[in-house]
């Protein structure tokens, strides 16, 4: 199972930016990452069969090596295998995700986790966890994860 992961609004939140480090942030090396969101992501990853992360966040511009270190520093225990390509003509995230799927000839299951949906029109709803207003509302939560799995079982 591939997890296409955004950072801003999913793991990085206003709360983690405003409050003192010991309260809500992971640590000083994982700047502005919300502990609760990391716990929720690890909770999700533990529910999946053999999850692998592909970074779809604009943070991917730092490169795969940097993304692996960053997520490890955050406490994400799942392997980061790649970053999505940059489609310069459109910069639409759904196109970048679908290009990654095509380029890698991937035919397995996947989930996209993002706080924005305006550029994800071509992602099926059963493959998308929308972290609505994630920046303001503490990012990904365990409740969102549980709701996603309940909805997907219907």
Foldseek 3Di string as FASTA:
>chain_A
DEEAEAPALAFAAQVLVPDDCVPFAQHDLLHRGGLQSLVLVLVLVVVDDQYEYAYLYPVCVVDDVVVQVNNVSRVNPHHHDYYFDQPPVPRQSLVSVVVVCVVVVPDDAAAYEEQDCPRNVPDDPLRYQHSHSSRHVVHRHNVSSVVSVVVNVD
